[in-house]
Amino acid sequence: MSSAIYLDAMSVAPGDPLIAHAATRLSVPLSVDIYHVVGTRDCRYEPRLDFVLRVPYDCPTRYSPQASDRMGPGDADVSGCGWPSRTLLPEIPADWPSGIYLAQLTESPEPTGKASPDCGQDALFIVRPPAPRRPILWQVNVATWNAYHIWQNRNLYIGYAGDDTGHTVKELRAHTVSFHRPGIGLAPRSNIPHFPPTAFMYNLAFIEWLRSEGLEVDFCTGADLHSGAVDLAGYQLLLSVGHDEYWSRAQRDAVENFVRQGGNAAFFGGNICFWQIRYASDLTSLSCYKRGADITPGRGDGEPLDPLYADPSAYPDHDNSDVTVEYWSAPLDRNTTSLTGVSMQHLSGAAPSGTAGEPSGAAWWWENFGGPPRPARGFRVAVPDHWAFAGTGLKMDEEFGAEQKVVGFECDGLDVAWHDGVPVPTHRDGAPADLRILAYADCRDWTDLDYSNSPPRRSAGNPNKAASGGIVPIVTFTSGRGTVFTAPSTDWVHALTALADYTDDGKPPRIPGPSSDVRTITRNVLTTLARGEPR
């Protein structure tokens, strides 16, 4: 790695300065090229970029030209790199459209027009609007980018032990990750396992589809909703896409209040709002203490690692509402089902006490760790006359999206039973009273593979460790005066445009065309709910 850059803030608005921090091993002049991300490039998980401007970058932090020397402090993943700042722009221009942008530190005499293969040379950021300009606000999953990203040696999942084998262990994982690291949202170091495509790449297909449809939306981060930098009151529809896993309490409160007061929400993604996190007061890091034992009643007597937690039986007046915890369960008693209608609670083995419905949710991790690709699975229609299916021509029990593998790699579910051959909510897991299952994917055969080891390891004694399956439902319901629609698959977005099948090992990989049904359903949801309908 020759040069690297990160930005002072991952979200800016017109009028804000754009401040960067950079380092290099080179002794040549450097510039920062700024691009607007406008879609996918050549059916690959690479951003299509529109050039915006070039800014010279003087006096970066200098490191040894020896590539074996570490660039940045050893615990940069937690504390940040600490490189000095430089103002690239005193103000973000008012005419920059809201969206995702990329700043590239480069020695090239001319803009390259594409993302760097060395992810440290690129820094992603969001330009949010100064006030609502469109009826739809897309909450971009920047917190998830940070949770998975590794710059030096660890993230919220694993730590790098430093040996020649690339051995990683959960005991070395971080509890806090800094936003002041290069390459956030892009590929981490190659000798540490990660999920292809990266968390950021789930956004590209949706951006490409929006462009093809001529639809314009405003963009923000979850931290913007957490801090109040963006007010939801001026919007009709809040949108979440892909892998929006990490949310703060204030962020979730803002979205739930928005829906109760008459706003709408659409979730096109899986593993949504799984972990509660805490942001630092200056929004330059987030914390999430992955517990060592389960504290859900009836499933063990462990407690979170989070030092903010106190046992309510011993400290009844202590406030645990900001404790970082998965699927918002004990000690919060606030699972994700009330927000999205579904959750990964069952997939985690945390089915509500006394439930006896079908297993729910699905995941297939093998393809991300060199194992077999997941089965091609689509959704089967259960309510063909619903407005979401208008114009598709889909009939009862007809499947759509299978060619594009629209179901996977992580999908949420809920507690269900069967009636007349279709799943219906039991409501034993807190599903809203008027929740309807519009379509579903039956992934129960995925349970033939054991999901108990993460990341999975291939060996003669452990051949099948990377999948879990059940029923994955597309749902809609009302909350207060607002409507929520959820298609709970991370890979829903991959059926919106022509993209290489990242689960396929072929050379070249298979490139299925987009699903016209998935495109129509997505268009129906956005255009209907952006009009403030239905109530």
Protein backbone atom coordinates (compact mmCIF):
# COMPACT_ATOMS: atom_id res chain seq x y z
CA MET A 1 0.00 0.00 0.00
CA SER A 2 1.54 3.29 -1.13
CA SER A 3 -0.96 5.92 0.04
CA ALA A 4 -4.07 6.10 2.19
CA ILE A 5 -6.77 8.60 3.12
CA TYR A 6 -9.74 9.00 5.43
CA LEU A 7 -12.12 11.88 6.01
CA ASP A 8 -12.83 13.75 9.21
CA ALA A 9 -16.57 13.02 8.92
CA MET A 10 -18.42 10.39 6.91
CA SER A 11 -21.44 12.67 6.45
CA VAL A 12 -21.38 16.30 5.35
CA ALA A 13 -23.93 18.84 4.16
CA PRO A 14 -23.63 21.79 1.76
CA GLY A 15 -21.76 24.53 3.57
CA ASP A 16 -19.72 22.09 5.67
CA PRO A 17 -15.96 21.81 5.13
CA LEU A 18 -14.53 18.63 3.65
CA ILE A 19 -11.52 17.68 5.79
CA ALA A 20 -9.14 14.83 5.00
CA HIS A 21 -6.28 12.98 6.67
CA ALA A 22 -3.70 11.27 4.44
CA ALA A 23 -0.42 9.37 4.56
CA THR A 24 1.96 8.06 1.91
CA ARG A 25 5.15 6.11 1.26
CA LEU A 26 5.71 8.09 -1.94
CA SER A 27 7.73 11.24 -2.59
CA VAL A 28 5.70 12.41 -5.59
CA PRO A 29 2.96 15.07 -5.70
CA LEU A 30 -0.46 13.82 -4.62
CA SER A 31 -4.00 14.93 -5.40
CA VAL A 32 -7.45 14.01 -4.17
CA ASP A 33 -10.03 13.30 -6.85
CA ILE A 34 -13.65 13.50 -5.74
CA TYR A 35 -16.30 11.44 -7.48
CA HIS A 36 -20.04 10.97 -7.20
CA VAL A 37 -21.02 7.27 -7.02
CA VAL A 38 -23.76 6.78 -9.62
CA GLY A 39 -24.11 3.00 -9.98
CA THR A 40 -22.25 -0.19 -10.81
CA ARG A 41 -19.44 -0.59 -13.32
CA ASP A 42 -19.52 -3.30 -15.99
CA CYS A 43 -21.88 -5.65 -14.11
CA ARG A 44 -19.30 -5.95 -11.30
CA TYR A 45 -19.30 -4.92 -7.66
CA GLU A 46 -17.37 -1.80 -8.51
CA PRO A 47 -18.75 1.73 -8.34
CA ARG A 48 -19.49 3.71 -11.47
CA LEU A 49 -18.03 7.15 -10.81
CA ASP A 50 -18.76 10.64 -12.12
CA PHE A 51 -15.76 12.94 -11.69
CA VAL A 52 -16.49 16.08 -9.64
CA LEU A 53 -13.17 17.89 -9.00
CA ARG A 54 -9.45 17.52 -8.19
CA VAL A 55 -7.74 19.08 -5.16
CA PRO A 56 -3.93 19.05 -4.61
CA TYR A 57 -2.87 17.36 -1.36
CA ASP A 58 0.28 18.80 0.22
CA CYS A 59 2.27 17.52 3.20
CA PRO A 60 0.70 14.11 3.93
CA THR A 61 2.08 12.04 6.78
CA ARG A 62 5.20 10.23 5.50
CA TYR A 63 5.95 6.56 6.10
CA SER A 64 8.85 4.33 5.15
CA PRO A 65 8.81 3.14 1.52
CA GLN A 66 9.19 -0.39 2.87
CA ALA A 67 5.82 -2.10 2.42
CA SER A 68 6.58 -4.36 5.38
CA ASP A 69 6.42 -1.40 7.77
CA ARG A 70 3.04 -0.68 9.31
CA MET A 71 1.25 2.42 8.00
CA GLY A 72 -0.48 3.92 11.01
CA PRO A 73 -0.54 3.09 14.72
CA GLY A 74 -1.04 -0.51 15.79
CA ASP A 75 -4.48 0.05 17.31
CA ALA A 76 -5.83 2.33 14.59
CA ASP A 77 -8.94 0.18 14.26
CA VAL A 78 -10.02 1.32 17.72
CA SER A 79 -8.41 4.75 18.15
CA GLY A 80 -8.02 5.94 14.58
CA CYS A 81 -4.86 6.72 12.63
CA GLY A 82 -4.37 10.19 14.08
CA TRP A 83 -2.91 11.70 10.93
CA PRO A 84 -3.00 15.53 10.69
CA SER A 85 -5.92 17.09 8.89
CA ARG A 86 -6.10 19.16 5.74
CA THR A 87 -9.11 21.06 4.44
CA LEU A 88 -9.90 19.89 0.92
CA LEU A 89 -12.85 22.24 0.53
CA PRO A 90 -13.86 25.09 2.84
CA GLU A 91 -17.50 24.39 1.95
CA ILE A 92 -19.40 21.61 0.21
CA PRO A 93 -21.00 23.37 -2.78
CA ALA A 94 -24.76 23.84 -2.66
CA ASP A 95 -25.18 22.25 -6.10
CA TRP A 96 -23.70 18.88 -5.13
CA PRO A 97 -26.61 16.43 -5.16
CA SER A 98 -27.19 14.34 -2.06
CA GLY A 99 -25.56 10.95 -2.49
CA ILE A 100 -22.56 8.71 -1.87
CA TYR A 101 -19.18 10.17 -2.85
CA LEU A 102 -15.65 8.81 -3.10
CA ALA A 103 -12.43 10.74 -2.43
CA GLN A 104 -9.34 9.15 -4.01
CA LEU A 105 -5.78 9.98 -3.00
CA THR A 106 -3.68 9.53 -6.14
CA GLU A 107 -0.31 10.22 -7.74
CA SER A 108 -1.86 9.86 -11.21
CA PRO A 109 -1.45 12.98 -13.36
CA GLU A 110 -5.05 12.60 -14.53
CA PRO A 111 -8.18 11.30 -12.77
CA THR A 112 -8.48 7.54 -13.20
CA GLY A 113 -12.29 7.51 -13.23
CA LYS A 114 -12.50 4.29 -11.23
CA ALA A 115 -12.10 3.05 -7.69
CA SER A 116 -8.59 2.07 -6.67
CA PRO A 117 -7.76 -1.64 -6.29
CA ASP A 118 -5.94 -0.56 -3.11
CA CYS A 119 -8.89 0.30 -0.89
CA GLY A 120 -6.84 2.56 1.40
CA GLN A 121 -6.56 5.12 -1.38
CA ASP A 122 -10.33 5.67 -1.43
CA ALA A 123 -12.58 7.21 1.22
CA LEU A 124 -16.36 7.08 1.02
CA PHE A 125 -18.61 9.81 2.38
CA ILE A 126 -22.24 10.88 2.24
CA VAL A 127 -23.52 14.28 1.19
CA ARG A 128 -26.80 14.81 3.02
CA PRO A 129 -29.25 17.57 2.03
CA PRO A 130 -29.48 20.79 4.06
CA ALA A 131 -33.25 20.25 4.10
CA PRO A 132 -35.57 17.66 2.52
CA ARG A 133 -35.43 17.89 -1.27
CA ARG A 134 -37.06 14.58 -2.20
CA PRO A 135 -39.89 12.62 -0.57
CA ILE A 136 -37.60 9.59 0.01
CA LEU A 137 -34.67 9.51 2.44
CA TRP A 138 -32.19 6.64 2.11
CA GLN A 139 -30.47 5.80 5.38
CA VAL A 140 -27.11 4.40 4.24
CA ASN A 141 -25.64 1.62 6.37
CA VAL A 142 -22.33 3.31 7.25
CA ALA A 143 -22.28 1.78 10.75
CA THR A 144 -22.21 -1.70 9.18
CA TRP A 145 -19.32 -0.65 6.95
CA ASN A 146 -17.36 0.25 10.07
CA ALA A 147 -18.29 -2.87 12.04
CA TYR A 148 -16.84 -5.20 9.39
CA HIS A 149 -13.88 -3.09 8.29
CA ILE A 150 -10.30 -3.92 9.24
CA TRP A 151 -7.43 -1.50 8.64
CA GLN A 152 -4.68 -2.93 10.83
CA ASN A 153 -5.74 -6.00 12.77
CA ARG A 154 -9.31 -6.16 14.08
CA ASN A 155 -12.97 -5.27 13.80
CA LEU A 156 -16.09 -6.02 15.86
CA TYR A 157 -15.90 -9.71 14.88
CA ILE A 158 -12.33 -10.90 14.90
CA GLY A 159 -8.75 -9.94 15.65
CA TYR A 160 -5.70 -10.86 13.64
CA ALA A 161 -3.24 -12.92 15.67
CA GLY A 162 -0.25 -11.85 13.58
CA ASP A 163 1.09 -15.27 12.57
CA ASP A 164 1.90 -16.39 9.06
CA THR A 165 -1.30 -18.41 8.74
CA GLY A 166 -3.57 -15.36 8.98
CA HIS A 167 -5.15 -16.92 12.09
CA THR A 168 -8.04 -14.91 13.52
CA VAL A 169 -9.76 -15.21 16.87
CA LYS A 170 -12.86 -13.70 18.41
CA GLU A 171 -11.04 -13.00 21.67
CA LEU A 172 -8.97 -10.31 19.93
CA ARG A 173 -11.92 -8.48 18.38
CA ALA A 174 -12.53 -4.82 19.15
CA HIS A 175 -15.39 -3.39 21.18
CA THR A 176 -15.00 0.04 19.55
CA VAL A 177 -14.16 0.86 15.93
CA SER A 178 -13.02 4.25 14.67
CA PHE A 179 -14.33 6.10 11.63
CA HIS A 180 -10.82 7.57 11.22
CA ARG A 181 -9.45 4.65 9.19
CA PRO A 182 -8.78 4.38 5.45
CA GLY A 183 -10.95 2.27 3.19
CA ILE A 184 -14.10 2.03 5.33
CA GLY A 185 -16.84 0.24 3.40
CA LEU A 186 -14.39 -1.17 0.88
CA ALA A 187 -12.43 -4.42 0.92
CA PRO A 188 -10.39 -5.14 4.08
CA ARG A 189 -6.95 -6.73 4.08
CA SER A 190 -6.94 -9.80 1.86
CA ASN A 191 -5.66 -12.31 4.44
CA ILE A 192 -8.61 -11.78 6.77
CA PRO A 193 -11.96 -13.39 5.86
CA HIS A 194 -14.69 -10.99 4.83
CA PHE A 195 -18.02 -11.05 3.11
CA PRO A 196 -17.97 -10.39 -0.64
CA PRO A 197 -19.49 -8.15 -1.65
CA THR A 198 -18.54 -5.70 1.10
CA ALA A 199 -21.22 -3.87 3.04
CA PHE A 200 -20.87 -0.78 0.81
CA MET A 201 -21.28 -2.78 -2.38
CA TYR A 202 -24.87 -3.68 -1.52
CA ASN A 203 -25.72 -0.07 -2.22
CA LEU A 204 -24.40 -0.02 -5.77
CA ALA A 205 -27.13 -2.09 -7.40
CA PHE A 206 -29.81 0.06 -5.81
CA ILE A 207 -28.11 3.27 -6.97
CA GLU A 208 -27.85 1.81 -10.48
CA TRP A 209 -31.53 0.88 -10.43
CA LEU A 210 -32.58 4.33 -9.18
CA ARG A 211 -30.64 5.93 -12.02
CA SER A 212 -32.27 3.64 -14.60
CA GLU A 213 -35.71 4.49 -13.20
CA GLY A 214 -35.07 8.22 -13.07
CA LEU A 215 -35.83 8.21 -9.34
CA GLU A 216 -34.06 10.67 -7.06
CA VAL A 217 -33.73 10.30 -3.30
CA ASP A 218 -31.96 12.08 -0.46
CA PHE A 219 -29.16 10.29 1.39
CA CYS A 220 -28.05 10.27 5.01
CA THR A 221 -26.32 7.97 7.49
CA GLY A 222 -27.78 6.29 10.56
CA ALA A 223 -25.57 8.60 12.63
CA ASP A 224 -27.38 11.57 11.07
CA LEU A 225 -30.69 10.26 12.40
CA HIS A 226 -29.04 9.47 15.74
CA SER A 227 -27.71 13.02 16.12
CA GLY A 228 -30.70 14.83 14.62
CA ALA A 229 -28.59 16.27 11.79
CA VAL A 230 -31.37 15.08 9.46
CA ASP A 231 -35.00 15.58 10.45
CA LEU A 232 -37.31 12.85 9.19
CA ALA A 233 -40.37 15.09 9.53
CA GLY A 234 -39.96 16.47 6.01
CA TYR A 235 -40.06 13.04 4.31
CA GLN A 236 -42.74 10.60 3.26
CA LEU A 237 -40.57 7.46 3.13
CA LEU A 238 -37.51 6.20 5.00
CA LEU A 239 -35.52 3.64 2.97
CA SER A 240 -33.00 1.03 4.16
CA VAL A 241 -31.14 -1.24 1.74
CA GLY A 242 -28.85 -4.27 1.83
CA HIS A 243 -27.12 -5.00 5.12
CA ASP A 244 -28.17 -2.33 7.63
CA GLU A 245 -27.23 -4.31 10.73
CA TYR A 246 -26.03 -1.77 13.32
CA TRP A 247 -28.38 0.86 14.81
CA SER A 248 -28.27 3.13 17.85
CA ARG A 249 -31.23 3.57 20.18
CA ALA A 250 -31.73 7.22 19.20
CA GLN A 251 -31.66 6.27 15.53
CA ARG A 252 -34.27 3.57 15.99
CA ASP A 253 -36.41 5.86 18.15
CA ALA A 254 -36.36 8.47 15.37
CA VAL A 255 -37.50 5.96 12.73
CA GLU A 256 -40.23 4.40 14.87
CA ASN A 257 -41.57 7.83 15.87
CA PHE A 258 -41.55 8.88 12.21
CA VAL A 259 -43.67 5.86 11.21
CA ARG A 260 -46.09 6.21 14.12
CA GLN A 261 -46.69 9.83 13.13
CA GLY A 262 -47.59 8.92 9.54
CA GLY A 263 -44.30 8.40 7.72
CA ASN A 264 -43.63 5.17 5.84
CA ALA A 265 -40.62 2.85 5.86
CA ALA A 266 -39.29 0.34 3.32
CA PHE A 267 -36.63 -2.21 4.18
CA PHE A 268 -35.02 -4.00 1.22
CA GLY A 269 -32.41 -5.97 3.11
CA GLY A 270 -31.60 -8.64 5.64
CA ASN A 271 -30.08 -8.70 9.13
CA ILE A 272 -31.74 -5.31 9.65
CA CYS A 273 -31.27 -3.57 13.02
CA PHE A 274 -29.71 -6.66 14.59
CA TRP A 275 -27.22 -5.01 16.98
CA GLN A 276 -27.79 -1.96 19.16
CA ILE A 277 -24.68 0.24 19.18
CA ARG A 278 -23.50 3.43 20.85
CA TYR A 279 -21.91 6.31 18.95
CA ALA A 280 -19.18 8.43 20.46
CA SER A 281 -20.37 11.94 21.26
CA ASP A 282 -18.31 13.34 18.36
CA LEU A 283 -19.59 10.59 15.98
CA THR A 284 -16.05 9.46 15.13
CA SER A 285 -16.48 5.91 16.45
CA LEU A 286 -19.07 3.37 17.52
CA SER A 287 -19.07 0.74 20.24
CA CYS A 288 -20.66 -2.68 20.35
CA TYR A 289 -19.72 -5.17 23.05
CA LYS A 290 -20.32 -8.67 21.69
CA ARG A 291 -21.31 -10.65 24.73
CA GLY A 292 -19.55 -13.81 25.75
CA ALA A 293 -22.67 -15.64 26.96
CA ASP A 294 -26.38 -15.40 26.28
CA ILE A 295 -28.55 -13.48 28.73
CA THR A 296 -31.95 -14.17 27.21
CA PRO A 297 -34.18 -15.65 29.93
CA GLY A 298 -34.17 -19.43 29.70
CA ARG A 299 -31.09 -19.58 27.47
CA GLY A 300 -28.26 -19.12 29.92
CA ASP A 301 -27.13 -16.90 32.73
CA GLY A 302 -24.35 -14.93 31.09
CA GLU A 303 -24.30 -11.16 30.81
CA PRO A 304 -23.10 -8.65 28.23
CA LEU A 305 -19.48 -7.61 28.16
CA ASP A 306 -20.72 -4.02 27.93
CA PRO A 307 -19.61 -2.19 31.09
CA LEU A 308 -22.76 -0.07 30.92
CA TYR A 309 -24.90 -3.09 31.78
CA ALA A 310 -26.07 -3.73 35.34
CA ASP A 311 -28.23 -6.62 36.51
CA PRO A 312 -31.72 -5.12 37.00
CA SER A 313 -32.46 -7.50 39.86
CA ALA A 314 -29.54 -6.03 41.78
CA TYR A 315 -29.77 -2.47 40.44
CA PRO A 316 -33.46 -1.85 39.64
CA ASP A 317 -32.94 1.87 39.00
CA HIS A 318 -30.09 1.43 36.54
CA ASP A 319 -30.79 2.45 32.92
CA ASN A 320 -29.81 -0.34 30.49
CA SER A 321 -31.46 1.27 27.47
CA ASP A 322 -28.15 2.03 25.72
CA VAL A 323 -26.53 -1.34 26.39
CA THR A 324 -25.14 -2.82 23.18
CA VAL A 325 -26.87 -6.12 22.54
CA GLU A 326 -27.95 -8.37 19.67
CA TYR A 327 -31.53 -8.53 18.36
CA TRP A 328 -32.50 -5.93 21.00
CA SER A 329 -33.58 -8.64 23.43
CA ALA A 330 -32.92 -8.86 27.17
CA PRO A 331 -32.03 -6.58 28.84
CA LEU A 332 -33.80 -4.28 26.35
CA ASP A 333 -36.89 -6.42 25.68
CA ARG A 334 -37.33 -4.67 22.34
CA ASN A 335 -36.78 -7.05 19.46
CA THR A 336 -36.54 -5.89 15.88
CA THR A 337 -39.90 -7.36 14.88
CA SER A 338 -41.74 -4.24 16.03
CA LEU A 339 -39.61 -2.12 13.67
CA THR A 340 -39.41 -4.23 10.49
CA GLY A 341 -41.96 -7.01 11.08
CA VAL A 342 -39.15 -9.59 10.99
CA SER A 343 -35.80 -10.28 12.65
CA MET A 344 -32.87 -12.68 12.77
CA GLN A 345 -33.86 -13.65 16.29
CA HIS A 346 -34.88 -17.19 15.32
CA LEU A 347 -31.82 -17.68 13.16
CA SER A 348 -29.74 -16.89 16.24
CA GLY A 349 -31.49 -19.68 18.11
CA ALA A 350 -33.45 -17.21 20.21
CA ALA A 351 -37.03 -18.25 19.43
CA PRO A 352 -39.50 -16.88 21.98
CA SER A 353 -40.20 -19.20 24.88
CA GLY A 354 -43.06 -21.57 24.17
CA THR A 355 -43.17 -21.05 20.40
CA ALA A 356 -43.71 -24.00 18.14
CA GLY A 357 -43.91 -22.47 14.68
CA GLU A 358 -41.73 -23.19 11.66
CA PRO A 359 -38.08 -22.08 11.83
CA SER A 360 -37.66 -18.60 10.39
CA GLY A 361 -34.95 -16.65 8.65
CA ALA A 362 -32.14 -18.06 6.52
CA ALA A 363 -28.43 -17.68 5.98
CA TRP A 364 -25.82 -19.25 3.73
CA TRP A 365 -22.24 -18.33 4.56
CA TRP A 366 -20.43 -21.10 2.68
CA GLU A 367 -20.06 -19.12 -0.51
CA ASN A 368 -18.16 -16.41 1.37
CA PHE A 369 -15.55 -18.84 2.67
CA GLY A 370 -14.81 -21.07 -0.29
CA GLY A 371 -17.69 -23.50 0.16
CA PRO A 372 -20.55 -24.46 -2.15
CA PRO A 373 -22.78 -21.71 -3.58
CA ARG A 374 -26.23 -21.42 -2.10
CA PRO A 375 -29.25 -22.90 -3.89
CA ALA A 376 -31.12 -20.61 -6.26
CA ARG A 377 -34.18 -19.57 -4.29
CA GLY A 378 -36.93 -17.02 -4.98
CA PHE A 379 -40.09 -15.85 -3.22
CA ARG A 380 -43.52 -17.48 -3.70
CA VAL A 381 -46.53 -15.19 -3.88
CA ALA A 382 -49.11 -15.51 -1.10
CA VAL A 383 -51.27 -12.39 -1.73
CA PRO A 384 -51.22 -11.82 -5.50
CA ASP A 385 -53.78 -8.99 -5.45
CA HIS A 386 -51.69 -6.79 -3.12
CA TRP A 387 -50.68 -3.40 -4.52
CA ALA A 388 -46.97 -4.32 -4.24
CA PHE A 389 -47.46 -6.89 -7.04
CA ALA A 390 -49.41 -4.61 -9.38
CA GLY A 391 -48.15 -4.91 -12.95
CA THR A 392 -46.16 -8.09 -12.35
CA GLY A 393 -48.82 -10.56 -13.43
CA LEU A 394 -47.66 -12.86 -10.64
CA LYS A 395 -50.16 -15.49 -9.55
CA MET A 396 -50.71 -17.37 -6.30
CA ASP A 397 -47.70 -19.56 -5.39
CA GLU A 398 -45.71 -18.33 -8.40
CA GLU A 399 -41.99 -17.90 -7.67
CA PHE A 400 -39.93 -14.88 -8.67
CA GLY A 401 -36.26 -13.93 -8.33
CA ALA A 402 -34.85 -17.47 -8.23
CA GLU A 403 -32.56 -16.97 -11.24
CA GLN A 404 -30.96 -14.01 -9.46
CA LYS A 405 -30.71 -15.86 -6.11
CA VAL A 406 -32.74 -13.09 -4.53
CA VAL A 407 -32.93 -15.03 -1.25
CA GLY A 408 -29.64 -14.83 0.70
CA PHE A 409 -27.04 -14.56 2.02
CA GLU A 410 -28.74 -13.39 5.25
CA CYS A 411 -32.50 -13.17 5.54
CA ASP A 412 -34.80 -12.30 8.44
CA GLY A 413 -37.91 -14.17 9.51
CA LEU A 414 -40.66 -14.40 12.12
CA ASP A 415 -42.60 -17.05 14.00
CA VAL A 416 -45.05 -18.64 11.54
CA ALA A 417 -47.60 -21.43 11.27
CA TRP A 418 -49.29 -22.81 8.14
CA HIS A 419 -52.82 -22.19 6.89
CA ASP A 420 -54.13 -23.48 3.55
CA GLY A 421 -50.59 -24.11 2.39
CA VAL A 422 -49.12 -20.67 3.15
CA PRO A 423 -47.30 -19.35 6.24
CA VAL A 424 -49.14 -16.96 8.56
CA PRO A 425 -47.74 -15.08 11.56
CA THR A 426 -48.40 -16.60 14.98
CA HIS A 427 -47.73 -13.24 16.72
CA ARG A 428 -46.00 -15.08 19.54
CA ASP A 429 -42.82 -13.17 18.79
CA GLY A 430 -44.41 -9.74 18.96
CA ALA A 431 -45.25 -9.42 15.27
CA PRO A 432 -47.69 -6.51 14.71
CA ALA A 433 -51.37 -7.43 14.84
CA ASP A 434 -52.10 -6.52 11.20
CA LEU A 435 -48.90 -7.96 9.70
CA ARG A 436 -49.46 -9.78 6.40
CA ILE A 437 -47.10 -12.19 4.67
CA LEU A 438 -47.23 -11.22 0.99
CA ALA A 439 -44.70 -13.77 -0.26
CA TYR A 440 -42.24 -16.21 1.23
CA ALA A 441 -39.21 -18.36 0.52
CA ASP A 442 -39.01 -21.86 1.93
CA CYS A 443 -35.40 -22.46 2.92
CA ARG A 444 -35.97 -25.25 5.41
CA ASP A 445 -33.72 -27.55 3.42
CA TRP A 446 -30.82 -25.20 4.19
CA THR A 447 -30.78 -26.58 7.72
CA ASP A 448 -29.13 -29.72 6.36
CA LEU A 449 -25.91 -27.74 6.89
CA ASP A 450 -24.84 -26.75 10.39
CA TYR A 451 -24.49 -23.02 11.13
CA SER A 452 -22.82 -23.42 14.52
CA ASN A 453 -19.32 -22.34 13.54
CA SER A 454 -18.50 -18.82 12.39
CA PRO A 455 -16.51 -18.37 10.29
CA PRO A 456 -16.94 -21.91 8.93
CA ARG A 457 -13.93 -24.13 8.69
CA ARG A 458 -13.57 -26.92 6.16
CA SER A 459 -12.06 -30.17 7.42
CA ALA A 460 -12.76 -33.90 7.29
CA GLY A 461 -14.37 -33.78 10.71
CA ASN A 462 -16.27 -30.54 10.08
CA PRO A 463 -17.44 -30.56 6.47
CA ASN A 464 -20.71 -28.59 6.68
CA LYS A 465 -20.65 -25.49 8.87
CA ALA A 466 -22.25 -22.55 7.22
CA ALA A 467 -26.00 -22.48 6.72
CA SER A 468 -29.34 -22.26 8.46
CA GLY A 469 -32.77 -22.09 6.96
CA GLY A 470 -36.45 -21.67 7.52
CA ILE A 471 -39.24 -19.45 6.17
CA VAL A 472 -38.31 -15.99 4.86
CA PRO A 473 -41.42 -13.78 4.50
CA ILE A 474 -42.02 -10.50 2.66
CA VAL A 475 -44.28 -8.55 5.00
CA THR A 476 -46.21 -5.33 5.42
CA PHE A 477 -47.99 -3.81 8.41
CA THR A 478 -49.00 -0.50 9.91
CA SER A 479 -47.55 1.22 12.95
CA GLY A 480 -49.56 4.16 14.18
CA ARG A 481 -50.43 6.10 11.03
CA GLY A 482 -47.55 4.77 8.93
CA THR A 483 -46.92 1.72 6.76
CA VAL A 484 -43.88 -0.56 6.77
CA PHE A 485 -42.84 -2.85 3.90
CA THR A 486 -40.00 -5.36 4.34
CA ALA A 487 -38.36 -7.66 1.79
CA PRO A 488 -35.87 -9.18 4.27
CA SER A 489 -33.00 -10.42 2.10
CA THR A 490 -29.58 -8.80 1.82
CA ASP A 491 -29.45 -9.82 -1.84
CA TRP A 492 -32.81 -8.40 -2.91
CA VAL A 493 -30.88 -5.51 -4.47
CA HIS A 494 -28.85 -7.86 -6.68
CA ALA A 495 -31.97 -8.72 -8.68
CA LEU A 496 -32.52 -5.07 -9.66
CA THR A 497 -29.81 -4.89 -12.32
CA ALA A 498 -27.41 -7.11 -14.27
CA LEU A 499 -24.67 -8.15 -11.84
CA ALA A 500 -22.15 -10.96 -11.75
CA ASP A 501 -23.28 -13.78 -9.46
CA TYR A 502 -20.73 -13.45 -6.66
CA THR A 503 -21.69 -16.93 -5.41
CA ASP A 504 -20.53 -18.49 -8.68
CA ASP A 505 -16.94 -19.70 -9.03
CA GLY A 506 -17.06 -19.77 -12.81
CA LYS A 507 -14.59 -17.80 -14.89
CA PRO A 508 -16.16 -15.65 -16.12
CA PRO A 509 -18.91 -15.75 -13.50
CA ARG A 510 -22.55 -16.08 -14.44
CA ILE A 511 -24.31 -12.75 -15.07
CA PRO A 512 -28.08 -13.14 -14.80
CA GLY A 513 -30.25 -10.34 -16.04
CA PRO A 514 -32.38 -8.36 -13.60
CA SER A 515 -35.70 -9.71 -12.38
CA SER A 516 -38.52 -7.69 -13.91
CA ASP A 517 -40.74 -8.73 -11.00
CA VAL A 518 -38.27 -7.55 -8.35
CA ARG A 519 -37.85 -4.27 -10.24
CA THR A 520 -41.62 -3.75 -10.49
CA ILE A 521 -42.24 -4.59 -6.83
CA THR A 522 -39.49 -2.23 -5.72
CA ARG A 523 -40.87 0.53 -7.93
CA ASN A 524 -44.41 -0.04 -6.61
CA VAL A 525 -43.25 0.18 -3.01
CA LEU A 526 -41.19 3.33 -3.46
CA THR A 527 -43.66 5.25 -5.58
CA THR A 528 -46.69 4.25 -3.50
CA LEU A 529 -45.18 4.90 -0.09
CA ALA A 530 -43.45 8.08 -1.25
CA ARG A 531 -46.90 9.48 -2.01
CA GLY A 532 -47.84 8.92 1.61
CA GLU A 533 -49.91 5.85 0.74
CA PRO A 534 -51.38 3.65 1.99
CA ARG A 535 -52.52 4.55 5.45
